[in-house]
Protein backbone atom coordinates (compact mmCIF):
# COMPACT_ATOMS: atom_id res chain seq x y z
CA MET A 1 0.00 0.00 0.00
CA SER A 2 1.39 3.38 -0.94
CA PHE A 3 0.96 6.37 1.31
CA ALA A 4 2.50 9.07 -0.91
CA LYS A 5 2.48 10.10 -4.54
CA LEU A 6 4.91 12.57 -6.12
CA TYR A 7 4.23 14.29 -9.42
CA GLU A 8 6.47 16.53 -11.55
CA THR A 9 4.09 19.05 -13.12
CA GLU A 10 4.09 22.34 -14.99
CA LEU A 11 3.73 23.98 -11.55
CA GLY A 12 6.61 22.02 -10.04
CA GLN A 13 6.45 19.07 -7.70
CA ILE A 14 3.20 18.08 -6.03
CA LEU A 15 3.35 15.61 -3.17
CA VAL A 16 0.14 13.93 -2.02
CA LYS A 17 0.33 12.08 1.28
CA LEU A 18 -2.22 9.87 3.03
CA ASP A 19 -1.79 10.46 6.75
CA GLU A 20 -3.44 10.97 10.13
CA GLY A 21 -4.37 14.63 10.52
CA ASP A 22 -5.62 16.53 13.56
CA ASP A 23 -9.22 15.57 12.72
CA GLY A 24 -8.69 12.06 11.39
CA PRO A 25 -7.31 10.64 8.16
CA GLU A 26 -6.49 13.05 5.37
CA ALA A 27 -5.06 13.27 1.89
CA ARG A 28 -2.75 16.30 2.01
CA TYR A 29 -1.38 18.04 -1.10
CA TYR A 30 2.01 19.79 -0.74
CA PHE A 31 3.30 22.26 -3.34
CA VAL A 32 5.60 25.29 -3.66
CA PRO A 33 4.06 28.18 -5.62
CA LYS A 34 6.30 30.80 -7.19
CA ASP A 35 7.40 33.39 -4.63
CA LEU A 36 5.96 31.40 -1.70
CA GLY A 37 7.17 28.65 0.61
CA VAL A 38 5.76 25.17 0.96
CA CYS A 39 1.95 25.26 0.97
CA SER A 40 -0.51 22.48 1.69
CA VAL A 41 -4.20 21.77 1.55
CA ALA A 42 -5.98 18.66 2.82
CA VAL A 43 -9.11 16.63 2.21
CA ASN A 44 -10.23 15.29 5.61
CA PHE A 45 -12.36 12.23 6.31
CA LYS A 46 -14.53 11.80 9.40
CA GLY A 47 -17.01 9.24 10.61
CA GLU A 48 -17.36 5.52 10.35
CA ASP A 49 -14.96 3.75 7.99
CA ASP A 50 -13.05 7.03 7.61
CA TRP A 51 -9.78 5.26 6.73
CA GLU A 52 -11.56 3.24 4.04
CA LYS A 53 -12.96 6.45 2.55
CA ALA A 54 -9.58 8.15 2.71
CA ASP A 55 -7.87 5.18 1.06
CA ARG A 56 -10.48 5.02 -1.73
CA TYR A 57 -10.05 8.75 -2.38
CA PHE A 58 -6.25 8.48 -2.33
CA LYS A 59 -6.32 5.70 -4.93
CA THR A 60 -8.21 8.00 -7.34
CA ILE A 61 -5.58 10.74 -7.25
CA THR A 62 -3.76 11.07 -10.55
CA GLU A 63 -1.31 13.72 -11.71
CA GLU A 64 -4.18 15.50 -13.47
CA LYS A 65 -6.31 15.51 -10.32
CA ALA A 66 -3.44 16.74 -8.16
CA LEU A 67 -2.70 19.51 -10.65
CA SER A 68 -6.38 20.50 -10.72
CA VAL A 69 -6.52 20.73 -6.91
CA VAL A 70 -3.39 22.89 -6.75
CA LYS A 71 -4.57 25.15 -9.59
CA GLY A 72 -7.86 25.65 -7.74
CA VAL A 73 -6.03 26.65 -4.57
CA LEU A 74 -3.79 29.05 -6.48
CA GLU A 75 -6.82 30.65 -8.18
CA THR A 76 -8.46 31.15 -4.79
CA ILE A 77 -5.30 32.77 -3.43
CA ALA A 78 -4.99 35.06 -6.49
CA ASN A 79 -8.63 36.18 -6.20
CA ASN A 80 -8.44 37.15 -2.53
């Protein structure tokens, strides 16, 4: 079972890690935008069978999905 995925993208490296967060299991995306330090955003899972849900979600993450998540975060930052 893998717990991390690393992608080389047009925006640089994106690391996605399946881990225990403060509120339960999470899939956390790490990236380094231009002119900023390391940033991260997480998808958290709570409730019954939370690790199963987190694992199922993690298995669906592709380079395209990771890039889409990071682009969405960067758009939000740029618009605020």
